[in-house]
Protein backbone atom coordinates (compact mmCIF):
# COMPACT_ATOMS: atom_id res chain seq x y z
CA MET A 1 14.47 30.79 79.88
CA SER A 2 14.86 28.56 82.58
CA ALA A 3 15.11 24.99 82.67
CA THR A 4 11.33 23.14 80.80
CA ASP A 5 8.53 22.32 83.22
CA HIS A 6 8.14 18.57 82.15
CA SER A 7 4.65 19.06 82.95
CA ARG A 8 1.79 17.49 81.34
CA ALA A 9 1.06 21.04 79.64
CA ALA A 10 4.26 20.44 77.71
CA GLY A 11 4.17 19.99 74.18
CA VAL A 12 6.01 20.10 70.92
CA LEU A 13 4.76 19.44 67.07
CA LEU A 14 7.73 19.69 64.03
CA LEU A 15 5.76 20.67 61.05
CA CYS A 16 7.63 19.80 57.89
CA ARG A 17 6.44 20.94 54.34
CA ALA A 18 7.07 17.65 52.60
CA GLU A 19 5.09 14.74 52.25
CA PRO A 20 5.58 12.19 55.01
CA ASP A 21 7.36 10.08 52.48
CA ARG A 22 9.97 12.55 52.23
CA VAL A 23 10.19 13.27 55.81
CA ARG A 24 10.54 9.56 56.95
CA PRO A 25 14.21 9.05 56.16
CA SER A 26 15.33 12.47 57.88
CA ALA A 27 13.32 11.83 60.94
CA GLN A 28 14.78 8.11 61.55
CA LEU A 29 18.10 10.37 61.47
CA LEU A 30 17.07 11.72 64.80
CA ARG A 31 17.04 8.89 66.49
CA GLU A 32 14.12 9.84 68.64
CA PRO A 33 10.34 7.75 69.49
CA LEU A 34 8.03 9.82 66.77
CA LEU A 35 4.84 9.42 65.39
CA LEU A 36 4.73 10.63 61.65
CA ALA A 37 1.25 11.65 59.51
CA PRO A 38 0.27 13.39 57.20
CA ALA A 39 -0.59 17.28 57.83
CA GLY A 40 -2.74 18.34 54.78
CA GLU A 41 -1.83 18.34 51.21
CA GLY A 42 2.55 19.12 50.74
CA TRP A 43 2.55 18.73 54.94
CA SER A 44 3.84 16.18 57.35
CA VAL A 45 3.45 16.63 61.39
CA LEU A 46 5.53 14.80 63.43
CA VAL A 47 5.25 14.56 67.29
CA PRO A 48 8.06 13.68 69.75
CA GLY A 49 7.44 11.66 73.01
CA GLU A 50 7.62 13.60 76.31
CA GLU A 51 10.91 11.31 77.20
CA ALA A 52 12.64 12.94 74.25
CA TRP A 53 13.12 16.01 75.95
CA ARG A 54 13.15 15.11 79.87
CA GLU A 55 16.97 15.39 80.31
CA GLU A 56 18.07 17.40 82.86
CA GLY A 57 17.94 21.06 82.06
CA SER A 58 16.76 20.86 78.90
CA GLN A 59 14.74 23.66 77.31
CA ILE A 60 12.14 22.48 75.10
CA ALA A 61 12.72 25.23 72.49
CA ALA A 62 16.60 25.01 72.20
CA MET A 63 15.64 21.02 71.52
CA THR A 64 12.78 22.00 69.21
CA ALA A 65 15.37 23.93 67.38
CA ASP A 66 18.13 21.00 66.89
CA TRP A 67 15.47 18.68 66.07
CA ALA A 68 13.70 21.32 63.02
CA HIS A 69 17.55 22.07 62.14
CA ALA A 70 18.87 18.17 62.09
CA LEU A 71 15.52 17.14 59.90
CA THR A 72 16.17 20.04 57.04
CA VAL A 73 19.91 20.13 57.28
CA ALA A 74 20.29 17.80 54.08
CA GLU A 75 16.66 18.84 52.60
CA THR A 76 15.54 21.44 50.34
CA TRP A 77 12.24 21.51 52.43
CA PRO A 78 11.68 24.02 55.37
CA ALA A 79 10.10 22.86 58.80
CA VAL A 80 8.31 24.53 61.61
CA GLY A 81 8.73 23.50 64.81
CA LEU A 82 6.28 24.55 67.13
CA TRP A 83 6.38 24.16 71.28
CA TRP A 84 4.59 25.30 74.12
CA ASP A 85 5.24 24.60 78.04
CA GLU A 86 3.50 26.59 81.79
CA GLN A 87 5.87 29.69 80.92
CA GLY A 88 5.35 30.15 77.13
CA ALA A 89 5.34 29.01 73.91
CA GLY A 90 6.97 29.91 70.50
CA PHE A 91 7.67 28.41 66.86
CA VAL A 92 11.30 27.90 65.43
CA VAL A 93 11.49 27.41 61.55
CA ALA A 94 14.59 25.54 60.06
CA SER A 95 15.64 25.22 56.24
CA GLY A 96 19.12 23.53 54.84
CA PHE A 97 22.05 25.44 56.21
CA ARG A 98 20.23 28.77 56.64
CA ARG A 99 20.36 30.18 60.38
CA THR A 100 18.02 28.72 62.56
CA VAL A 101 15.46 31.52 63.67
CA GLY A 102 12.61 31.28 66.58
CA TYR A 103 10.22 33.63 68.67
CA THR A 104 8.92 32.99 71.89
CA TRP A 105 5.49 34.51 73.46
CA LEU A 106 4.94 34.56 77.23
CA ALA A 107 2.58 32.44 79.00
CA ASP A 108 0.02 36.01 78.97
CA GLY A 109 1.11 36.18 74.88
CA THR A 110 3.67 38.75 75.40
CA PRO A 111 5.62 38.72 72.44
CA LEU A 112 9.55 38.27 72.88
CA GLY A 113 11.13 38.51 69.40
CA GLY A 114 12.73 39.80 66.24
CA GLU A 115 10.84 40.74 63.18
CA ASP A 116 13.51 38.25 61.19
CA ALA A 117 11.67 35.23 62.28
CA MET A 118 8.36 36.28 61.11
CA THR A 119 10.51 37.39 57.87
CA ALA A 120 12.18 33.83 57.59
CA LEU A 121 9.12 31.92 58.59
CA ARG A 122 7.16 33.48 55.45
CA ALA A 123 10.08 33.28 53.17
CA ARG A 124 11.05 29.95 53.70
CA LEU A 125 7.60 29.09 53.04
CA GLY A 126 6.55 30.53 50.52
CA LEU A 127 3.99 32.35 52.10
CA ASP A 128 2.17 35.83 50.48
CA PRO A 129 4.24 38.50 51.13
CA VAL A 130 1.64 41.17 51.89
CA LEU A 131 -1.61 39.14 53.66
CA ASP A 132 0.00 36.64 55.25
CA ALA A 133 2.96 39.09 57.01
CA GLU A 134 -0.10 41.43 57.63
CA ALA A 135 -1.54 38.29 59.65
CA PHE A 136 2.34 37.50 61.28
CA ASP A 137 2.30 41.07 62.21
CA ARG A 138 -1.04 41.06 64.30
CA LEU A 139 0.19 38.06 66.12
CA THR A 140 3.43 40.63 66.93
CA GLU A 141 1.34 43.22 68.69
CA ALA A 142 0.30 43.79 71.94
CA ASP A 143 -3.12 41.66 72.49
CA SER A 144 -4.45 41.23 76.45
CA ASP A 145 -6.84 38.87 75.38
CA ALA A 146 -4.54 36.68 73.48
CA ASP A 147 -2.39 34.39 75.85
CA ALA A 148 0.44 31.93 73.89
CA ALA A 149 -1.50 29.11 73.04
CA ALA A 150 -3.70 31.95 71.43
CA ARG A 151 -0.50 33.32 69.18
CA VAL A 152 0.53 29.75 68.22
CA LEU A 153 -3.28 28.55 67.16
CA GLY A 154 -3.45 32.13 65.04
CA LEU A 155 -0.06 30.68 63.46
CA ILE A 156 -1.35 27.64 62.37
CA ALA A 157 -4.47 29.65 61.13
CA VAL A 158 -1.99 31.35 58.62
CA LEU A 159 -0.22 28.57 57.63
CA SER A 160 -3.50 26.58 56.67
CA ARG A 161 -3.71 29.02 53.85
CA ALA A 162 -0.64 27.17 52.56
CA GLY A 163 -2.11 23.91 52.94
CA LEU A 164 -1.79 22.76 56.35
CA HIS A 165 -4.08 20.64 57.98
CA LEU A 166 -4.25 19.04 61.94
CA GLY A 167 -5.82 16.89 63.24
CA THR A 168 -8.34 17.20 65.95
CA GLY A 169 -6.58 17.26 69.25
CA LEU A 170 -2.87 18.61 67.83
CA ALA A 171 -3.54 21.66 69.32
CA PRO A 172 -0.94 24.06 71.52
CA GLY A 173 -1.77 23.29 75.39
CA ALA A 174 -2.00 19.56 74.99
CA GLY A 175 0.13 17.51 76.56
CA ALA A 176 2.29 15.15 75.06
CA GLU A 177 0.52 11.99 76.02
CA ARG A 178 -2.42 13.71 74.45
CA LEU A 179 -0.83 14.71 71.28
CA ARG A 180 0.88 11.16 70.68
CA ALA A 181 -2.86 9.73 71.42
CA ALA A 182 -4.22 12.02 68.88
CA ALA A 183 -1.77 11.37 65.91
CA GLY A 184 -2.18 8.31 66.48
CA SER A 185 -5.65 8.21 65.74
CA LEU A 186 -4.66 9.82 61.78
CA PRO A 187 -5.14 7.92 58.78
CA GLU A 188 -1.58 6.70 57.74
CA ALA A 189 0.17 7.76 61.27
CA GLU A 190 3.13 5.69 61.78
CA PRO A 191 5.75 5.08 64.46
CA VAL A 192 9.20 6.67 63.13
CA GLU A 193 12.14 5.00 64.68
CA TRP A 194 16.22 4.24 64.02
CA PRO A 195 16.14 0.83 62.39
CA GLY A 196 19.92 0.40 64.08
CA TRP A 197 23.29 -0.09 62.24
CA ARG A 198 22.17 -3.61 60.97
CA ALA A 199 19.24 -2.74 59.18
CA ALA A 200 20.55 0.47 57.71
CA VAL A 201 23.84 -1.14 55.67
CA ARG A 202 21.48 -3.56 54.12
CA GLY A 203 19.60 -2.97 50.47
CA PRO A 204 19.97 -0.22 47.88
CA ARG A 205 19.39 2.24 50.28
CA ALA A 206 22.14 2.32 52.41
CA ARG A 207 24.30 4.29 50.56
CA ALA A 208 21.80 7.32 50.33
CA LEU A 209 21.24 6.89 53.80
CA GLY A 210 25.28 6.90 54.38
CA VAL A 211 25.37 10.09 52.60
CA ALA A 212 22.25 11.63 54.55
CA GLU A 213 23.68 10.62 57.66
CA VAL A 214 27.04 12.69 57.15
CA ALA A 215 25.56 15.14 55.84
CA VAL A 216 23.39 15.88 58.73
CA GLY A 217 25.92 14.79 61.05
CA ALA A 218 28.53 17.81 59.37
CA GLY A 219 25.32 20.43 59.87
CA LEU A 220 25.12 19.14 63.22
CA LEU A 221 28.58 19.91 63.83
CA LEU A 222 29.04 23.29 62.37
CA TRP A 223 25.88 24.43 63.72
CA GLY A 224 26.22 23.08 67.26
CA ARG A 225 29.87 24.76 67.93
CA ARG A 226 28.15 25.61 71.68
CA ARG A 227 25.99 23.00 72.18
CA PRO A 228 28.12 20.10 73.40
CA ARG A 229 24.85 17.66 73.08
CA VAL A 230 24.75 18.88 68.75
CA ARG A 231 28.09 18.25 68.16
CA LEU A 232 27.96 14.34 70.06
CA ALA A 233 24.96 13.72 67.71
CA GLY A 234 26.68 15.09 64.90
CA ALA A 235 29.81 12.91 65.53
CA LEU A 236 27.82 9.96 66.10
CA LEU A 237 25.85 10.55 62.63
CA CYS A 238 29.19 11.25 60.69
CA ALA A 239 30.84 7.98 62.00
CA ASP A 240 28.11 6.03 61.24
CA GLY A 241 27.45 7.40 57.86
CA ALA A 242 31.10 6.55 56.82
CA LEU A 243 30.52 3.28 58.02
CA THR A 244 27.84 2.49 56.39
CA ILE A 245 29.45 3.94 53.21
CA ALA A 246 32.50 2.03 53.45
CA TYR A 247 30.16 -1.20 54.40
CA ASP A 248 28.61 -0.66 51.64
CA THR A 249 31.71 -0.04 49.27
CA TRP A 250 33.22 -3.45 50.50
CA ARG A 251 30.07 -5.04 49.75
CA ALA A 252 29.54 -3.84 46.33
CA ARG A 253 33.38 -4.68 45.85
CA ARG A 254 32.54 -8.38 47.09
CA ASP A 255 29.29 -9.02 45.38
CA ARG A 256 31.21 -8.22 41.77
CA ASP A 257 34.19 -10.61 42.96
């Protein structure tokens, strides 16, 4: 796949199989401008801004995979990243330290992917091994009437059986600005941003945040061996996490004295 065409037709949705309160700490570690909102019982959706993938030569599918992996590497819940642009659409599924896998459809709906991606998606989300498997199989078959957006809509329809409910406007084909506007209008939607190191090291959550940073950073270092940008993010998270833990330890000793 060539570098992403950064047109208004490009968009990303990160679907997390967890409530917003559980997703928020991991989302903060991405250090990207995100909107977080509930998306049905036991689901949350994260909507990144277009500026998050506007780097020269970046690929929207690869960046979606990086985000999904970083969100879940230290968590027990999985995440599904949906992406689309003028060239096609697809999904990635990430869960813990397991390999992140994905599937792509060309703009006309032609499938480009392996059966392992659909199998991983079904297994990691705990979907029905018979009914949902049949629905996924249809998404991998040739269909001249289904373009890439229709394929992703079909995938969303299958996930809705597991409780996913996306608000109006959160759909493939919408550009980043429309997605952000639609997400922002949802009840309980909130911006999620990195609070900064000074804020992170204050309060009882400091050590937990530091441990999470080290875990996520280590996972990115291992997973991104051939991705310099991912390795850099992993190294920065490990350094921040270690610093946070060290500061929290020093502060605890100072308070005891």
